[in-house]
N, C-alpha and C. Protein backbone atom coordinates (compact mmCIF):
# COMPACT_ATOMS: atom_id res chain seq x y z
N MET A 1 0.69 13.72 19.37
CA MET A 1 0.22 13.51 18.02
C MET A 1 1.17 12.55 17.31
N GLU A 2 0.61 11.62 16.58
CA GLU A 2 1.44 10.62 15.93
C GLU A 2 2.13 11.18 14.70
N GLU A 3 3.36 10.73 14.48
CA GLU A 3 4.14 11.18 13.35
C GLU A 3 3.70 10.44 12.09
N ARG A 4 3.63 11.14 11.01
CA ARG A 4 3.25 10.53 9.74
C ARG A 4 4.49 10.17 8.95
N GLU A 5 4.42 9.03 8.29
CA GLU A 5 5.55 8.57 7.48
C GLU A 5 5.20 8.75 6.00
N TYR A 6 6.11 9.35 5.28
CA TYR A 6 5.94 9.54 3.85
C TYR A 6 7.03 8.78 3.11
N VAL A 7 6.71 8.30 1.92
CA VAL A 7 7.70 7.69 1.05
C VAL A 7 7.57 8.35 -0.32
N THR A 8 8.66 8.32 -1.07
CA THR A 8 8.67 8.87 -2.41
C THR A 8 8.57 7.73 -3.41
N ILE A 9 7.62 7.86 -4.31
CA ILE A 9 7.42 6.86 -5.36
C ILE A 9 7.87 7.47 -6.68
N ARG A 10 8.73 6.74 -7.37
CA ARG A 10 9.15 7.16 -8.71
C ARG A 10 8.48 6.21 -9.70
N HIS A 11 7.63 6.76 -10.55
CA HIS A 11 6.89 5.97 -11.53
C HIS A 11 7.77 5.67 -12.74
N GLN A 12 7.37 4.66 -13.51
CA GLN A 12 8.14 4.27 -14.68
C GLN A 12 8.27 5.39 -15.70
N ASP A 13 7.29 6.30 -15.73
CA ASP A 13 7.36 7.41 -16.68
C ASP A 13 8.25 8.55 -16.18
N GLY A 14 8.86 8.36 -14.99
CA GLY A 14 9.77 9.36 -14.46
C GLY A 14 9.14 10.31 -13.45
N ASN A 15 7.81 10.33 -13.37
CA ASN A 15 7.15 11.19 -12.40
C ASN A 15 7.43 10.71 -10.98
N VAL A 16 7.53 11.66 -10.06
CA VAL A 16 7.82 11.36 -8.67
C VAL A 16 6.72 11.97 -7.81
N GLU A 17 6.27 11.22 -6.79
CA GLU A 17 5.29 11.77 -5.86
C GLU A 17 5.55 11.25 -4.45
N ASP A 18 5.29 12.10 -3.47
CA ASP A 18 5.38 11.71 -2.07
C ASP A 18 4.00 11.27 -1.62
N VAL A 19 3.93 10.10 -0.98
CA VAL A 19 2.66 9.57 -0.52
C VAL A 19 2.74 9.27 0.98
N LEU A 20 1.59 9.29 1.62
CA LEU A 20 1.49 9.01 3.05
C LEU A 20 1.34 7.51 3.27
N VAL A 21 2.21 6.94 4.08
CA VAL A 21 2.11 5.51 4.40
C VAL A 21 0.98 5.33 5.41
N VAL A 22 0.01 4.49 5.05
CA VAL A 22 -1.07 4.15 5.96
C VAL A 22 -0.62 2.98 6.83
N THR A 23 -0.11 1.94 6.18
CA THR A 23 0.43 0.78 6.89
C THR A 23 1.18 -0.11 5.90
N TYR A 24 1.90 -1.05 6.47
CA TYR A 24 2.53 -2.11 5.68
C TYR A 24 1.83 -3.41 6.04
N LEU A 25 1.71 -4.31 5.08
CA LEU A 25 1.13 -5.62 5.33
C LEU A 25 2.16 -6.68 4.98
N VAL A 26 2.20 -7.75 5.76
CA VAL A 26 3.09 -8.87 5.51
C VAL A 26 2.21 -10.12 5.44
N SER A 27 2.38 -10.90 4.38
CA SER A 27 1.57 -12.10 4.21
C SER A 27 1.81 -13.07 5.37
N ASP A 28 0.86 -13.97 5.57
CA ASP A 28 0.96 -14.93 6.67
C ASP A 28 2.22 -15.79 6.57
N ASP A 29 2.67 -16.06 5.34
CA ASP A 29 3.89 -16.87 5.16
C ASP A 29 5.15 -16.00 5.12
N SER A 30 4.99 -14.70 5.31
CA SER A 30 6.09 -13.72 5.34
C SER A 30 6.87 -13.61 4.03
N LEU A 31 6.28 -14.07 2.94
CA LEU A 31 6.96 -14.03 1.65
C LEU A 31 6.59 -12.80 0.81
N LYS A 32 5.45 -12.18 1.12
CA LYS A 32 4.99 -11.02 0.34
C LYS A 32 4.74 -9.84 1.27
N ASN A 33 5.11 -8.66 0.77
CA ASN A 33 4.90 -7.42 1.51
C ASN A 33 4.08 -6.46 0.66
N TYR A 34 3.25 -5.68 1.34
CA TYR A 34 2.38 -4.74 0.64
C TYR A 34 2.47 -3.37 1.30
N LEU A 35 2.36 -2.34 0.48
CA LEU A 35 2.32 -0.96 0.96
C LEU A 35 0.91 -0.44 0.80
N VAL A 36 0.34 0.05 1.90
CA VAL A 36 -0.98 0.70 1.87
C VAL A 36 -0.69 2.19 2.04
N TYR A 37 -1.10 3.00 1.06
CA TYR A 37 -0.74 4.41 1.10
C TYR A 37 -1.85 5.30 0.57
N SER A 38 -1.70 6.59 0.85
CA SER A 38 -2.69 7.58 0.44
C SER A 38 -1.99 8.72 -0.30
N LYS A 39 -2.70 9.28 -1.26
CA LYS A 39 -2.21 10.45 -1.98
C LYS A 39 -2.93 11.71 -1.51
N GLY A 40 -3.70 11.59 -0.41
CA GLY A 40 -4.44 12.74 0.12
C GLY A 40 -5.74 13.00 -0.61
N GLU A 41 -6.22 12.03 -1.36
CA GLU A 41 -7.47 12.20 -2.12
C GLU A 41 -8.65 11.72 -1.29
N SER A 42 -9.81 12.30 -1.56
CA SER A 42 -11.03 11.83 -0.92
C SER A 42 -12.13 11.80 -1.97
N GLN A 43 -13.17 11.00 -1.66
CA GLN A 43 -14.28 10.88 -2.61
C GLN A 43 -15.58 10.59 -1.87
N GLY A 44 -16.68 10.79 -2.53
CA GLY A 44 -17.98 10.47 -1.97
C GLY A 44 -18.53 11.58 -1.10
N LEU A 45 -19.75 11.38 -0.65
CA LEU A 45 -20.45 12.37 0.16
C LEU A 45 -19.78 12.57 1.52
N ASP A 46 -19.17 11.50 2.04
CA ASP A 46 -18.50 11.57 3.34
C ASP A 46 -17.02 11.92 3.23
N ASN A 47 -16.56 12.24 2.02
CA ASN A 47 -15.15 12.55 1.78
C ASN A 47 -14.24 11.45 2.33
N ASP A 48 -14.57 10.19 2.00
CA ASP A 48 -13.76 9.06 2.43
C ASP A 48 -12.38 9.14 1.78
N GLN A 49 -11.36 8.80 2.57
CA GLN A 49 -9.98 8.83 2.08
C GLN A 49 -9.76 7.69 1.11
N VAL A 50 -9.17 7.98 -0.04
CA VAL A 50 -8.84 6.97 -1.03
C VAL A 50 -7.49 6.38 -0.64
N ILE A 51 -7.42 5.03 -0.57
CA ILE A 51 -6.15 4.39 -0.29
C ILE A 51 -5.77 3.49 -1.46
N TYR A 52 -4.48 3.27 -1.59
CA TYR A 52 -3.93 2.42 -2.63
C TYR A 52 -3.15 1.31 -1.96
N ILE A 53 -3.14 0.14 -2.59
CA ILE A 53 -2.38 -0.98 -2.07
C ILE A 53 -1.59 -1.57 -3.21
N SER A 54 -0.28 -1.72 -3.00
CA SER A 54 0.60 -2.29 -4.01
C SER A 54 1.52 -3.31 -3.36
N LYS A 55 1.91 -4.29 -4.15
CA LYS A 55 2.86 -5.29 -3.70
C LYS A 55 4.26 -4.70 -3.79
N ILE A 56 5.07 -4.95 -2.76
CA ILE A 56 6.45 -4.45 -2.74
C ILE A 56 7.37 -5.54 -3.28
N ILE A 57 8.15 -5.20 -4.29
CA ILE A 57 9.10 -6.12 -4.89
C ILE A 57 10.51 -5.60 -4.61
N GLU A 58 11.35 -6.46 -4.04
CA GLU A 58 12.74 -6.08 -3.77
C GLU A 58 13.62 -6.53 -4.93
N ASN A 59 14.47 -5.64 -5.39
CA ASN A 59 15.43 -5.96 -6.44
C ASN A 59 16.74 -5.30 -6.04
N ARG A 60 17.61 -6.09 -5.47
CA ARG A 60 18.86 -5.60 -4.91
C ARG A 60 18.55 -4.59 -3.81
N GLU A 61 19.01 -3.37 -3.94
CA GLU A 61 18.80 -2.37 -2.90
C GLU A 61 17.60 -1.47 -3.17
N LEU A 62 16.88 -1.74 -4.27
CA LEU A 62 15.73 -0.91 -4.63
C LEU A 62 14.43 -1.65 -4.35
N LEU A 63 13.40 -0.89 -4.04
CA LEU A 63 12.06 -1.44 -3.84
C LEU A 63 11.16 -0.94 -4.96
N TYR A 64 10.36 -1.83 -5.50
CA TYR A 64 9.43 -1.48 -6.57
C TYR A 64 8.01 -1.80 -6.12
N LEU A 65 7.06 -1.05 -6.63
CA LEU A 65 5.66 -1.33 -6.37
C LEU A 65 5.06 -1.99 -7.60
N GLU A 66 4.31 -3.03 -7.35
CA GLU A 66 3.69 -3.77 -8.44
C GLU A 66 2.19 -3.84 -8.20
N GLU A 67 1.44 -3.66 -9.25
CA GLU A 67 -0.02 -3.73 -9.16
C GLU A 67 -0.45 -5.15 -8.81
N ILE A 68 -1.45 -5.27 -7.96
CA ILE A 68 -2.01 -6.57 -7.61
C ILE A 68 -3.08 -6.89 -8.65
N LYS A 69 -2.89 -7.98 -9.38
CA LYS A 69 -3.79 -8.30 -10.49
C LYS A 69 -4.64 -9.54 -10.26
N GLU A 70 -4.15 -10.47 -9.48
CA GLU A 70 -4.83 -11.74 -9.30
C GLU A 70 -5.88 -11.66 -8.20
N ASP A 71 -7.05 -12.23 -8.44
CA ASP A 71 -8.13 -12.25 -7.44
C ASP A 71 -7.68 -12.94 -6.15
N GLU A 72 -6.93 -14.01 -6.29
CA GLU A 72 -6.46 -14.75 -5.11
C GLU A 72 -5.58 -13.87 -4.22
N GLU A 73 -4.74 -13.07 -4.86
CA GLU A 73 -3.87 -12.18 -4.08
C GLU A 73 -4.68 -11.07 -3.42
N TRP A 74 -5.71 -10.54 -4.11
CA TRP A 74 -6.58 -9.53 -3.51
C TRP A 74 -7.30 -10.11 -2.29
N GLN A 75 -7.71 -11.37 -2.37
CA GLN A 75 -8.35 -12.00 -1.23
C GLN A 75 -7.39 -12.10 -0.05
N GLU A 76 -6.13 -12.42 -0.35
CA GLU A 76 -5.12 -12.48 0.70
C GLU A 76 -4.93 -11.11 1.35
N VAL A 77 -4.88 -10.05 0.55
CA VAL A 77 -4.73 -8.69 1.07
C VAL A 77 -5.93 -8.31 1.93
N GLN A 78 -7.13 -8.65 1.48
CA GLN A 78 -8.33 -8.37 2.27
C GLN A 78 -8.27 -9.10 3.62
N HIS A 79 -7.79 -10.33 3.62
CA HIS A 79 -7.62 -11.09 4.86
C HIS A 79 -6.66 -10.36 5.80
N LEU A 80 -5.54 -9.86 5.26
CA LEU A 80 -4.56 -9.15 6.07
C LEU A 80 -5.14 -7.85 6.64
N LEU A 81 -5.93 -7.15 5.84
CA LEU A 81 -6.55 -5.91 6.30
C LEU A 81 -7.56 -6.19 7.42
N LYS A 82 -8.33 -7.26 7.28
CA LYS A 82 -9.30 -7.63 8.31
C LYS A 82 -8.60 -7.97 9.61
N LYS A 83 -7.43 -8.61 9.53
CA LYS A 83 -6.69 -8.96 10.74
C LYS A 83 -6.29 -7.72 11.53
N ILE A 84 -5.84 -6.66 10.84
CA ILE A 84 -5.44 -5.46 11.58
C ILE A 84 -6.65 -4.63 11.99
N ALA A 85 -7.75 -4.73 11.24
CA ALA A 85 -8.96 -3.99 11.61
C ALA A 85 -9.59 -4.57 12.87
N ASN A 86 -9.42 -5.87 13.07
CA ASN A 86 -10.02 -6.54 14.22
C ASN A 86 -9.06 -6.66 15.39
N ALA A 87 -7.86 -6.09 15.26
CA ALA A 87 -6.87 -6.22 16.34
C ALA A 87 -7.15 -5.26 17.47
């Protein structure tokens, strides 16, 4: 059985939560990194797992998650997801 990796996210409001790492994505130019994670939520008739994707920002020794806001960046993330789905 495969081991699951969890990370702890500390939100700006001080709340802390442990989330399940689904995968990491690295942009084609290796300049941007993304965290794909789950909070164990499901939705819909088929109870599909809800996943979240955030951009990873490095600041010294700390890592921060940033919301992806630009359509162009979402397209890049979709491209990266398709690459691993078709591998």
